[in-house]
Amino acid sequence: MKIKTNEKYNAVVVELKGNVMGGPEAQEFNEMLHKYVENGKNNVVVDLASVKFMNSSGLGMLISGYTTMKNNGGQMKLANATEKINSLLVITKLITIFENYDSVEKAVESFD
């Protein structure tokens, strides 16, 4: 998995690429979110357009990130989930927790 970030308007967009399977990348993801919170950047959009596969550890990474943001007065939203990832969110009922948008732009606009 590769992680790429950029800032768009009032949000940080985190683009995940490849297979999201937890491990050392999960630690990197969580540390990155903590740094954003420390710098007062509380709105995060996770772009899932380039995610090919996600296992339970990958879901755990997203849940942990969501909790980190929420506990620090922030929000984390998902964008561009593929059909496969969307099905995973539905099956696990995580679709009821995460706000999921069709595009990064719509997710960013939802923070206003």
PDB file of N, CA and C in Angstrom:
ATOM      1  N   MET A   1       0.831  -1.179   0.000  1.00  0.00           N
ATOM      2  CA  MET A   1       0.000   0.000   0.000  1.00  0.00           C
ATOM      3  C   MET A   1       0.875   1.242   0.000  1.00  0.00           C
ATOM      4  N   LYS A   2       0.464   2.220  -0.779  1.00  0.00           N
ATOM      5  CA  LYS A   2       1.147   3.507  -0.796  1.00  0.00           C
ATOM      6  C   LYS A   2       0.190   4.571  -0.270  1.00  0.00           C
ATOM      7  N   ILE A   3       0.748   5.552   0.422  1.00  0.00           N
ATOM      8  CA  ILE A   3      -0.055   6.646   0.965  1.00  0.00           C
ATOM      9  C   ILE A   3       0.450   7.951   0.371  1.00  0.00           C
ATOM     10  N   LYS A   4      -0.475   8.724  -0.189  1.00  0.00           N
ATOM     11  CA  LYS A   4      -0.123  10.031  -0.743  1.00  0.00           C
ATOM     12  C   LYS A   4      -1.108  11.044  -0.160  1.00  0.00           C
ATOM     13  N   THR A   5      -0.612  12.206   0.240  1.00  0.00           N
ATOM     14  CA  THR A   5      -1.520  13.209   0.807  1.00  0.00           C
ATOM     15  C   THR A   5      -1.395  14.534   0.080  1.00  0.00           C
ATOM     16  N   ASN A   6      -2.481  15.275   0.095  1.00  0.00           N
ATOM     17  CA  ASN A   6      -2.441  16.668  -0.328  1.00  0.00           C
ATOM     18  C   ASN A   6      -3.564  17.415   0.373  1.00  0.00           C
ATOM     19  N   GLU A   7      -3.420  18.719   0.437  1.00  0.00           N
ATOM     20  CA  GLU A   7      -4.436  19.513   1.118  1.00  0.00           C
ATOM     21  C   GLU A   7      -5.306  20.199   0.087  1.00  0.00           C
ATOM     22  N   LYS A   8      -6.600  20.093   0.303  1.00  0.00           N
ATOM     23  CA  LYS A   8      -7.578  20.677  -0.612  1.00  0.00           C
ATOM     24  C   LYS A   8      -8.553  21.501   0.211  1.00  0.00           C
ATOM     25  N   TYR A   9      -8.541  22.791  -0.011  1.00  0.00           N
ATOM     26  CA  TYR A   9      -9.447  23.702   0.694  1.00  0.00           C
ATOM     27  C   TYR A   9      -9.294  23.524   2.200  1.00  0.00           C
ATOM     28  N   ASN A  10     -10.336  23.057   2.877  1.00  0.00           N
ATOM     29  CA  ASN A  10     -10.254  22.930   4.335  1.00  0.00           C
ATOM     30  C   ASN A  10     -10.106  21.471   4.774  1.00  0.00           C
ATOM     31  N   ALA A  11      -9.507  20.643   3.909  1.00  0.00           N
ATOM     32  CA  ALA A  11      -9.371  19.228   4.253  1.00  0.00           C
ATOM     33  C   ALA A  11      -8.043  18.656   3.764  1.00  0.00           C
ATOM     34  N   VAL A  12      -7.636  17.577   4.406  1.00  0.00           N
ATOM     35  CA  VAL A  12      -6.465  16.820   3.974  1.00  0.00           C
ATOM     36  C   VAL A  12      -7.000  15.597   3.239  1.00  0.00           C
ATOM     37  N   VAL A  13      -6.534  15.394   2.005  1.00  0.00           N
ATOM     38  CA  VAL A  13      -6.957  14.227   1.222  1.00  0.00           C
ATOM     39  C   VAL A  13      -5.843  13.184   1.287  1.00  0.00           C
ATOM     40  N   VAL A  14      -6.188  12.016   1.793  1.00  0.00           N
ATOM     41  CA  VAL A  14      -5.237  10.912   1.913  1.00  0.00           C
ATOM     42  C   VAL A  14      -5.617   9.871   0.871  1.00  0.00           C
ATOM     43  N   GLU A  15      -4.729   9.686  -0.105  1.00  0.00           N
ATOM     44  CA  GLU A  15      -5.000   8.736  -1.178  1.00  0.00           C
ATOM     45  C   GLU A  15      -4.280   7.424  -0.861  1.00  0.00           C
ATOM     46  N   LEU A  16      -5.062   6.346  -0.775  1.00  0.00           N
ATOM     47  CA  LEU A  16      -4.484   5.020  -0.535  1.00  0.00           C
ATOM     48  C   LEU A  16      -4.435   4.285  -1.872  1.00  0.00           C
ATOM     49  N   LYS A  17      -3.302   3.610  -2.141  1.00  0.00           N
ATOM     50  CA  LYS A  17      -3.142   2.867  -3.393  1.00  0.00           C
ATOM     51  C   LYS A  17      -2.696   1.442  -3.094  1.00  0.00           C
ATOM     52  N   GLY A  18      -3.233   0.502  -3.861  1.00  0.00           N
ATOM     53  CA  GLY A  18      -2.798  -0.891  -3.735  1.00  0.00           C
ATOM     54  C   GLY A  18      -3.664  -1.681  -2.779  1.00  0.00           C
ATOM     55  N   ASN A  19      -3.043  -2.607  -2.066  1.00  0.00           N
ATOM     56  CA  ASN A  19      -3.742  -3.470  -1.118  1.00  0.00           C
ATOM     57  C   ASN A  19      -3.635  -2.894   0.289  1.00  0.00           C
ATOM     58  N   VAL A  20      -4.785  -2.668   0.918  1.00  0.00           N
ATOM     59  CA  VAL A  20      -4.809  -2.121   2.277  1.00  0.00           C
ATOM     60  C   VAL A  20      -4.973  -3.299   3.227  1.00  0.00           C
ATOM     61  N   MET A  21      -3.849  -3.665   3.862  1.00  0.00           N
ATOM     62  CA  MET A  21      -3.830  -4.871   4.687  1.00  0.00           C
ATOM     63  C   MET A  21      -3.207  -4.643   6.058  1.00  0.00           C
ATOM     64  N   GLY A  22      -3.280  -3.420   6.555  1.00  0.00           N
ATOM     65  CA  GLY A  22      -2.731  -3.154   7.885  1.00  0.00           C
ATOM     66  C   GLY A  22      -1.219  -3.219   7.884  1.00  0.00           C
ATOM     67  N   GLY A  23      -0.647  -3.765   8.930  1.00  0.00           N
ATOM     68  CA  GLY A  23       0.814  -3.888   9.032  1.00  0.00           C
ATOM     69  C   GLY A  23       1.476  -2.549   9.296  1.00  0.00           C
ATOM     70  N   PRO A  24       2.749  -2.402   8.865  1.00  0.00           N
ATOM     71  CA  PRO A  24       3.499  -1.164   9.141  1.00  0.00           C
ATOM     72  C   PRO A  24       2.823   0.081   8.551  1.00  0.00           C
ATOM     73  N   GLU A  25       2.108  -0.097   7.443  1.00  0.00           N
ATOM     74  CA  GLU A  25       1.424   1.043   6.829  1.00  0.00           C
ATOM     75  C   GLU A  25       0.322   1.583   7.728  1.00  0.00           C
ATOM     76  N   ALA A  26      -0.315   0.701   8.495  1.00  0.00           N
ATOM     77  CA  ALA A  26      -1.373   1.130   9.412  1.00  0.00           C
ATOM     78  C   ALA A  26      -0.785   2.062  10.470  1.00  0.00           C
ATOM     79  N   GLN A  27       0.388   1.711  10.955  1.00  0.00           N
ATOM     80  CA  GLN A  27       1.088   2.550  11.941  1.00  0.00           C
ATOM     81  C   GLN A  27       1.427   3.905  11.322  1.00  0.00           C
ATOM     82  N   GLU A  28       1.929   3.882  10.098  1.00  0.00           N
ATOM     83  CA  GLU A  28       2.281   5.113   9.377  1.00  0.00           C
ATOM     84  C   GLU A  28       1.040   5.993   9.183  1.00  0.00           C
ATOM     85  N   PHE A  29      -0.077   5.370   8.808  1.00  0.00           N
ATOM     86  CA  PHE A  29      -1.338   6.072   8.593  1.00  0.00           C
ATOM     87  C   PHE A  29      -1.794   6.751   9.885  1.00  0.00           C
ATOM     88  N   ASN A  30      -1.746   5.999  10.986  1.00  0.00           N
ATOM     89  CA  ASN A  30      -2.199   6.523  12.272  1.00  0.00           C
ATOM     90  C   ASN A  30      -1.304   7.672  12.760  1.00  0.00           C
ATOM     91  N   GLU A  31       0.009   7.521  12.616  1.00  0.00           N
ATOM     92  CA  GLU A  31       0.936   8.577  13.026  1.00  0.00           C
ATOM     93  C   GLU A  31       0.705   9.840  12.207  1.00  0.00           C
ATOM     94  N   MET A  32       0.436   9.658  10.924  1.00  0.00           N
ATOM     95  CA  MET A  32       0.180  10.781  10.037  1.00  0.00           C
ATOM     96  C   MET A  32      -1.082  11.542  10.489  1.00  0.00           C
ATOM     97  N   LEU A  33      -2.137  10.803  10.837  1.00  0.00           N
ATOM     98  CA  LEU A  33      -3.367  11.447  11.293  1.00  0.00           C
ATOM     99  C   LEU A  33      -3.129  12.226  12.586  1.00  0.00           C
ATOM    100  N   HIS A  34      -2.343  11.651  13.499  1.00  0.00           N
ATOM    101  CA  HIS A  34      -2.026  12.344  14.754  1.00  0.00           C
ATOM    102  C   HIS A  34      -1.290  13.654  14.480  1.00  0.00           C
ATOM    103  N   LYS A  35      -0.376  13.640  13.509  1.00  0.00           N
ATOM    104  CA  LYS A  35       0.356  14.871  13.154  1.00  0.00           C
ATOM    105  C   LYS A  35      -0.590  15.931  12.614  1.00  0.00           C
ATOM    106  N   TYR A  36      -1.540  15.511  11.767  1.00  0.00           N
ATOM    107  CA  TYR A  36      -2.510  16.468  11.233  1.00  0.00           C
ATOM    108  C   TYR A  36      -3.337  17.089  12.357  1.00  0.00           C
ATOM    109  N   VAL A  37      -3.779  16.252  13.296  1.00  0.00           N
ATOM    110  CA  VAL A  37      -4.578  16.741  14.429  1.00  0.00           C
ATOM    111  C   VAL A  37      -3.757  17.747  15.248  1.00  0.00           C
ATOM    112  N   GLU A  38      -2.489  17.413  15.507  1.00  0.00           N
ATOM    113  CA  GLU A  38      -1.620  18.316  16.269  1.00  0.00           C
ATOM    114  C   GLU A  38      -1.456  19.660  15.574  1.00  0.00           C
ATOM    115  N   ASN A  39      -1.518  19.664  14.239  1.00  0.00           N
ATOM    116  CA  ASN A  39      -1.384  20.896  13.465  1.00  0.00           C
ATOM    117  C   ASN A  39      -2.720  21.567  13.178  1.00  0.00           C
ATOM    118  N   GLY A  40      -3.774  21.110  13.864  1.00  0.00           N
ATOM    119  CA  GLY A  40      -5.081  21.744  13.726  1.00  0.00           C
ATOM    120  C   GLY A  40      -5.831  21.396  12.453  1.00  0.00           C
ATOM    121  N   LYS A  41      -5.387  20.348  11.781  1.00  0.00           N
ATOM    122  CA  LYS A  41      -6.072  19.919  10.547  1.00  0.00           C
ATOM    123  C   LYS A  41      -6.963  18.738  10.901  1.00  0.00           C
ATOM    124  N   ASN A  42      -8.253  19.040  11.072  1.00  0.00           N
ATOM    125  CA  ASN A  42      -9.173  18.039  11.616  1.00  0.00           C
ATOM    126  C   ASN A  42     -10.097  17.388  10.600  1.00  0.00           C
ATOM    127  N   ASN A  43     -10.040  17.814   9.342  1.00  0.00           N
ATOM    128  CA  ASN A  43     -10.909  17.234   8.319  1.00  0.00           C
ATOM    129  C   ASN A  43     -10.088  16.388   7.362  1.00  0.00           C
ATOM    130  N   VAL A  44     -10.391  15.100   7.318  1.00  0.00           N
ATOM    131  CA  VAL A  44      -9.634  14.176   6.470  1.00  0.00           C
ATOM    132  C   VAL A  44     -10.592  13.416   5.550  1.00  0.00           C
ATOM    133  N   VAL A  45     -10.198  13.335   4.285  1.00  0.00           N
ATOM    134  CA  VAL A  45     -10.928  12.509   3.317  1.00  0.00           C
ATOM    135  C   VAL A  45      -9.969  11.409   2.872  1.00  0.00           C
ATOM    136  N   VAL A  46     -10.401  10.163   2.983  1.00  0.00           N
ATOM    137  CA  VAL A  46      -9.590   9.033   2.526  1.00  0.00           C
ATOM    138  C   VAL A  46     -10.114   8.625   1.154  1.00  0.00           C
ATOM    139  N   ASP A  47      -9.269   8.812   0.143  1.00  0.00           N
ATOM    140  CA  ASP A  47      -9.617   8.478  -1.237  1.00  0.00           C
ATOM    141  C   ASP A  47      -9.276   7.011  -1.498  1.00  0.00           C
ATOM    142  N   LEU A  48     -10.303   6.216  -1.759  1.00  0.00           N
ATOM    143  CA  LEU A  48     -10.122   4.769  -1.932  1.00  0.00           C
ATOM    144  C   LEU A  48     -10.158   4.324  -3.401  1.00  0.00           C
ATOM    145  N   ALA A  49     -10.119   5.262  -4.331  1.00  0.00           N
ATOM    146  CA  ALA A  49     -10.249   4.943  -5.757  1.00  0.00           C
ATOM    147  C   ALA A  49      -9.215   3.930  -6.246  1.00  0.00           C
ATOM    148  N   SER A  50      -7.997   3.974  -5.699  1.00  0.00           N
ATOM    149  CA  SER A  50      -6.921   3.098  -6.180  1.00  0.00           C
ATOM    150  C   SER A  50      -6.666   1.893  -5.279  1.00  0.00           C
ATOM    151  N   VAL A  51      -7.625   1.595  -4.402  1.00  0.00           N
ATOM    152  CA  VAL A  51      -7.478   0.432  -3.515  1.00  0.00           C
ATOM    153  C   VAL A  51      -8.016  -0.801  -4.238  1.00  0.00           C
ATOM    154  N   LYS A  52      -7.145  -1.797  -4.393  1.00  0.00           N
ATOM    155  CA  LYS A  52      -7.534  -3.020  -5.102  1.00  0.00           C
ATOM    156  C   LYS A  52      -8.161  -4.054  -4.166  1.00  0.00           C
ATOM    157  N   PHE A  53      -7.634  -4.125  -2.940  1.00  0.00           N
ATOM    158  CA  PHE A  53      -8.067  -5.148  -1.997  1.00  0.00           C
ATOM    159  C   PHE A  53      -7.938  -4.599  -0.584  1.00  0.00           C
ATOM    160  N   MET A  54      -8.852  -4.998   0.298  1.00  0.00           N
ATOM    161  CA  MET A  54      -8.768  -4.599   1.702  1.00  0.00           C
ATOM    162  C   MET A  54      -9.177  -5.778   2.568  1.00  0.00           C
ATOM    163  N   ASN A  55      -8.364  -6.091   3.573  1.00  0.00           N
ATOM    164  CA  ASN A  55      -8.718  -7.180   4.485  1.00  0.00           C
ATOM    165  C   ASN A  55      -9.203  -6.595   5.818  1.00  0.00           C
ATOM    166  N   SER A  56      -9.420  -7.448   6.800  1.00  0.00           N
ATOM    167  CA  SER A  56      -9.938  -6.987   8.090  1.00  0.00           C
ATOM    168  C   SER A  56      -8.961  -6.035   8.783  1.00  0.00           C
ATOM    169  N   SER A  57      -7.667  -6.253   8.606  1.00  0.00           N
ATOM    170  CA  SER A  57      -6.679  -5.341   9.199  1.00  0.00           C
ATOM    171  C   SER A  57      -6.748  -3.967   8.543  1.00  0.00           C
ATOM    172  N   GLY A  58      -7.013  -3.953   7.239  1.00  0.00           N
ATOM    173  CA  GLY A  58      -7.192  -2.691   6.527  1.00  0.00           C
ATOM    174  C   GLY A  58      -8.418  -1.942   7.028  1.00  0.00           C
ATOM    175  N   LEU A  59      -9.504  -2.681   7.263  1.00  0.00           N
ATOM    176  CA  LEU A  59     -10.709  -2.073   7.839  1.00  0.00           C
ATOM    177  C   LEU A  59     -10.414  -1.540   9.234  1.00  0.00           C
ATOM    178  N   GLY A  60      -9.648  -2.325   9.992  1.00  0.00           N
ATOM    179  CA  GLY A  60      -9.259  -1.895  11.343  1.00  0.00           C
ATOM    180  C   GLY A  60      -8.468  -0.597  11.310  1.00  0.00           C
ATOM    181  N   MET A  61      -7.615  -0.457  10.299  1.00  0.00           N
ATOM    182  CA  MET A  61      -6.820   0.759  10.127  1.00  0.00           C
ATOM    183  C   MET A  61      -7.750   1.962   9.905  1.00  0.00           C
ATOM    184  N   LEU A  62      -8.782   1.781   9.065  1.00  0.00           N
ATOM    185  CA  LEU A  62      -9.736   2.866   8.811  1.00  0.00           C
ATOM    186  C   LEU A  62     -10.532   3.208  10.072  1.00  0.00           C
ATOM    187  N   ILE A  63     -10.948   2.177  10.806  1.00  0.00           N
ATOM    188  CA  ILE A  63     -11.711   2.398  12.039  1.00  0.00           C
ATOM    189  C   ILE A  63     -10.854   3.148  13.055  1.00  0.00           C
ATOM    190  N   SER A  64      -9.601   2.748  13.174  1.00  0.00           N
ATOM    191  CA  SER A  64      -8.673   3.408  14.092  1.00  0.00           C
ATOM    192  C   SER A  64      -8.487   4.875  13.698  1.00  0.00           C
ATOM    193  N   GLY A  65      -8.342   5.113  12.402  1.00  0.00           N
ATOM    194  CA  GLY A  65      -8.195   6.490  11.915  1.00  0.00           C
ATOM    195  C   GLY A  65      -9.427   7.323  12.201  1.00  0.00           C
ATOM    196  N   TYR A  66     -10.587   6.722  11.990  1.00  0.00           N
ATOM    197  CA  TYR A  66     -11.861   7.398  12.250  1.00  0.00           C
ATOM    198  C   TYR A  66     -11.944   7.782  13.730  1.00  0.00           C
ATOM    199  N   THR A  67     -11.581   6.840  14.597  1.00  0.00           N
ATOM    200  CA  THR A  67     -11.626   7.066  16.045  1.00  0.00           C
ATOM    201  C   THR A  67     -10.650   8.163  16.456  1.00  0.00           C
ATOM    202  N   THR A  68      -9.443   8.128  15.898  1.00  0.00           N
ATOM    203  CA  THR A  68      -8.432   9.160  16.183  1.00  0.00           C
ATOM    204  C   THR A  68      -8.980  10.538  15.854  1.00  0.00           C
ATOM    205  N   MET A  69      -9.557  10.681  14.678  1.00  0.00           N
ATOM    206  CA  MET A  69     -10.078  11.988  14.258  1.00  0.00           C
ATOM    207  C   MET A  69     -11.250  12.420  15.145  1.00  0.00           C
ATOM    208  N   LYS A  70     -12.177  11.513  15.389  1.00  0.00           N
ATOM    209  CA  LYS A  70     -13.375  11.833  16.177  1.00  0.00           C
ATOM    210  C   LYS A  70     -12.999  12.219  17.608  1.00  0.00           C
ATOM    211  N   ASN A  71     -12.079  11.490  18.212  1.00  0.00           N
ATOM    212  CA  ASN A  71     -11.665  11.771  19.591  1.00  0.00           C
ATOM    213  C   ASN A  71     -10.942  13.105  19.731  1.00  0.00           C
ATOM    214  N   ASN A  72     -10.462  13.628  18.625  1.00  0.00           N
ATOM    215  CA  ASN A  72      -9.748  14.903  18.649  1.00  0.00           C
ATOM    216  C   ASN A  72     -10.561  16.028  18.002  1.00  0.00           C
ATOM    217  N   GLY A  73     -11.863  15.841  17.933  1.00  0.00           N
ATOM    218  CA  GLY A  73     -12.745  16.874  17.415  1.00  0.00           C
ATOM    219  C   GLY A  73     -12.755  16.992  15.902  1.00  0.00           C
ATOM    220  N   GLY A  74     -12.236  15.979  15.224  1.00  0.00           N
ATOM    221  CA  GLY A  74     -12.182  16.024  13.761  1.00  0.00           C
ATOM    222  C   GLY A  74     -13.131  15.051  13.115  1.00  0.00           C
ATOM    223  N   GLN A  75     -13.020  14.950  11.797  1.00  0.00           N
ATOM    224  CA  GLN A  75     -13.857  14.028  11.029  1.00  0.00           C
ATOM    225  C   GLN A  75     -13.021  13.341   9.960  1.00  0.00           C
ATOM    226  N   MET A  76     -13.364  12.103   9.684  1.00  0.00           N
ATOM    227  CA  MET A  76     -12.731  11.382   8.589  1.00  0.00           C
ATOM    228  C   MET A  76     -13.837  10.798   7.721  1.00  0.00           C
ATOM    229  N   LYS A  77     -13.782  11.105   6.419  1.00  0.00           N
ATOM    230  CA  LYS A  77     -14.793  10.618   5.489  1.00  0.00           C
ATOM    231  C   LYS A  77     -14.114   9.840   4.367  1.00  0.00           C
ATOM    232  N   LEU A  78     -14.871   8.974   3.739  1.00  0.00           N
ATOM    233  CA  LEU A  78     -14.348   8.157   2.644  1.00  0.00           C
ATOM    234  C   LEU A  78     -14.858   8.682   1.309  1.00  0.00           C
ATOM    235  N   ALA A  79     -14.055   8.485   0.273  1.00  0.00           N
ATOM    236  CA  ALA A  79     -14.461   8.881  -1.076  1.00  0.00           C
ATOM    237  C   ALA A  79     -14.004   7.840  -2.087  1.00  0.00           C
ATOM    238  N   ASN A  80     -14.762   7.720  -3.167  1.00  0.00           N
ATOM    239  CA  ASN A  80     -14.396   6.872  -4.309  1.00  0.00           C
ATOM    240  C   ASN A  80     -14.213   5.397  -3.984  1.00  0.00           C
ATOM    241  N   ALA A  81     -14.971   4.873  -3.031  1.00  0.00           N
ATOM    242  CA  ALA A  81     -14.841   3.440  -2.723  1.00  0.00           C
ATOM    243  C   ALA A  81     -15.282   2.640  -3.949  1.00  0.00           C
ATOM    244  N   THR A  82     -14.458   1.684  -4.345  1.00  0.00           N
ATOM    245  CA  THR A  82     -14.806   0.833  -5.481  1.00  0.00           C
ATOM    246  C   THR A  82     -15.984  -0.062  -5.076  1.00  0.00           C
ATOM    247  N   GLU A  83     -16.571  -0.723  -6.056  1.00  0.00           N
ATOM    248  CA  GLU A  83     -17.710  -1.599  -5.778  1.00  0.00           C
ATOM    249  C   GLU A  83     -17.323  -2.679  -4.758  1.00  0.00           C
ATOM    250  N   LYS A  84     -16.119  -3.218  -4.915  1.00  0.00           N
ATOM    251  CA  LYS A  84     -15.620  -4.264  -4.025  1.00  0.00           C
ATOM    252  C   LYS A  84     -15.489  -3.751  -2.580  1.00  0.00           C
ATOM    253  N   ILE A  85     -14.897  -2.576  -2.436  1.00  0.00           N
ATOM    254  CA  ILE A  85     -14.699  -1.995  -1.096  1.00  0.00           C
ATOM    255  C   ILE A  85     -16.046  -1.580  -0.513  1.00  0.00           C
ATOM    256  N   ASN A  86     -16.925  -1.048  -1.348  1.00  0.00           N
ATOM    257  CA  ASN A  86     -18.252  -0.651  -0.893  1.00  0.00           C
ATOM    258  C   ASN A  86     -19.013  -1.865  -0.353  1.00  0.00           C
ATOM    259  N   SER A  87     -18.912  -2.987  -1.055  1.00  0.00           N
ATOM    260  CA  SER A  87     -19.563  -4.225  -0.601  1.00  0.00           C
ATOM    261  C   SER A  87     -19.031  -4.646   0.765  1.00  0.00           C
ATOM    262  N   LEU A  88     -17.741  -4.515   0.933  1.00  0.00           N
ATOM    263  CA  LEU A  88     -17.099  -4.847   2.210  1.00  0.00           C
ATOM    264  C   LEU A  88     -17.651  -3.961   3.331  1.00  0.00           C
ATOM    265  N   LEU A  89     -17.818  -2.672   3.055  1.00  0.00           N
ATOM    266  CA  LEU A  89     -18.360  -1.741   4.047  1.00  0.00           C
ATOM    267  C   LEU A  89     -19.815  -2.076   4.384  1.00  0.00           C
ATOM    268  N   VAL A  90     -20.575  -2.527   3.380  1.00  0.00           N
ATOM    269  CA  VAL A  90     -21.975  -2.901   3.606  1.00  0.00           C
ATOM    270  C   VAL A  90     -22.054  -4.178   4.439  1.00  0.00           C
ATOM    271  N   ILE A  91     -21.288  -5.196   4.049  1.00  0.00           N
ATOM    272  CA  ILE A  91     -21.304  -6.494   4.744  1.00  0.00           C
ATOM    273  C   ILE A  91     -20.926  -6.336   6.221  1.00  0.00           C
ATOM    274  N   THR A  92     -19.928  -5.486   6.482  1.00  0.00           N
ATOM    275  CA  THR A  92     -19.449  -5.290   7.854  1.00  0.00           C
ATOM    276  C   THR A  92     -20.262  -4.242   8.615  1.00  0.00           C
ATOM    277  N   LYS A  93     -21.248  -3.649   7.946  1.00  0.00           N
ATOM    278  CA  LYS A  93     -22.104  -2.595   8.512  1.00  0.00           C
ATOM    279  C   LYS A  93     -21.324  -1.309   8.831  1.00  0.00           C
ATOM    280  N   LEU A  94     -20.095  -1.213   8.349  1.00  0.00           N
ATOM    281  CA  LEU A  94     -19.306   0.002   8.568  1.00  0.00           C
ATOM    282  C   LEU A  94     -19.830   1.162   7.727  1.00  0.00           C
ATOM    283  N   ILE A  95     -20.659   0.840   6.750  1.00  0.00           N
ATOM    284  CA  ILE A  95     -21.273   1.872   5.909  1.00  0.00           C
ATOM    285  C   ILE A  95     -22.144   2.798   6.765  1.00  0.00           C
ATOM    286  N   THR A  96     -22.597   2.289   7.923  1.00  0.00           N
ATOM    287  CA  THR A  96     -23.421   3.104   8.822  1.00  0.00           C
ATOM    288  C   THR A  96     -22.570   4.043   9.675  1.00  0.00           C
ATOM    289  N   ILE A  97     -21.264   3.797   9.720  1.00  0.00           N
ATOM    290  CA  ILE A  97     -20.362   4.633  10.519  1.00  0.00           C
ATOM    291  C   ILE A  97     -19.654   5.669   9.655  1.00  0.00           C
ATOM    292  N   PHE A  98     -19.118   5.216   8.537  1.00  0.00           N
ATOM    293  CA  PHE A  98     -18.369   6.119   7.654  1.00  0.00           C
ATOM    294  C   PHE A  98     -19.301   6.875   6.709  1.00  0.00           C
ATOM    295  N   GLU A  99     -19.023   8.168   6.556  1.00  0.00           N
ATOM    296  CA  GLU A  99     -19.685   8.905   5.488  1.00  0.00           C
ATOM    297  C   GLU A  99     -18.883   8.599   4.232  1.00  0.00           C
ATOM    298  N   ASN A 100     -19.577   8.155   3.190  1.00  0.00           N
ATOM    299  CA  ASN A 100     -18.927   7.693   1.974  1.00  0.00           C
ATOM    300  C   ASN A 100     -19.442   8.510   0.790  1.00  0.00           C
ATOM    301  N   TYR A 101     -18.538   9.122   0.042  1.00  0.00           N
ATOM    302  CA  TYR A 101     -18.923   9.997  -1.070  1.00  0.00           C
ATOM    303  C   TYR A 101     -18.410   9.465  -2.407  1.00  0.00           C
ATOM    304  N   ASP A 102     -19.095   9.866  -3.489  1.00  0.00           N
ATOM    305  CA  ASP A 102     -18.731   9.436  -4.841  1.00  0.00           C
ATOM    306  C   ASP A 102     -17.463  10.099  -5.337  1.00  0.00           C
ATOM    307  N   SER A 103     -17.108  11.247  -4.759  1.00  0.00           N
ATOM    308  CA  SER A 103     -15.902  11.949  -5.205  1.00  0.00           C
ATOM    309  C   SER A 103     -15.248  12.665  -4.037  1.00  0.00           C
ATOM    310  N   VAL A 104     -13.968  12.934  -4.193  1.00  0.00           N
ATOM    311  CA  VAL A 104     -13.219  13.680  -3.175  1.00  0.00           C
ATOM    312  C   VAL A 104     -13.841  15.063  -3.012  1.00  0.00           C
ATOM    313  N   GLU A 105     -14.237  15.679  -4.131  1.00  0.00           N
ATOM    314  CA  GLU A 105     -14.813  17.026  -4.087  1.00  0.00           C
ATOM    315  C   GLU A 105     -16.073  17.063  -3.226  1.00  0.00           C
ATOM    316  N   LYS A 106     -16.952  16.072  -3.420  1.00  0.00           N
ATOM    317  CA  LYS A 106     -18.184  16.040  -2.629  1.00  0.00           C
ATOM    318  C   LYS A 106     -17.884  15.831  -1.142  1.00  0.00           C
ATOM    319  N   ALA A 107     -16.909  14.993  -0.851  1.00  0.00           N
ATOM    320  CA  ALA A 107     -16.513  14.746   0.534  1.00  0.00           C
ATOM    321  C   ALA A 107     -15.959  16.023   1.173  1.00  0.00           C
ATOM    322  N   VAL A 108     -15.104  16.731   0.442  1.00  0.00           N
ATOM    323  CA  VAL A 108     -14.510  17.978   0.947  1.00  0.00           C
ATOM    324  C   VAL A 108     -15.607  19.020   1.177  1.00  0.00           C
ATOM    325  N   GLU A 109     -16.531  19.140   0.227  1.00  0.00           N
ATOM    326  CA  GLU A 109     -17.633  20.108   0.360  1.00  0.00           C
ATOM    327  C   GLU A 109     -18.505  19.810   1.575  1.00  0.00           C
ATOM    328  N   SER A 110     -18.616  18.548   1.967  1.00  0.00           N
ATOM    329  CA  SER A 110     -19.486  18.162   3.074  1.00  0.00           C
ATOM    330  C   SER A 110     -18.984  18.675   4.419  1.00  0.00           C
ATOM    331  N   PHE A 111     -17.732  19.125   4.502  1.00  0.00           N
ATOM    332  CA  PHE A 111     -17.205  19.647   5.751  1.00  0.00           C
ATOM    333  C   PHE A 111     -17.737  21.039   6.078  1.00  0.00           C
ATOM    334  N   ASP A 112     -18.251  21.756   5.077  1.00  0.00           N
ATOM    335  CA  ASP A 112     -18.684  23.141   5.305  1.00  0.00           C
ATOM    336  C   ASP A 112     -19.851  23.271   6.242  1.00  0.00           C
TER     337      ASP A 112
END
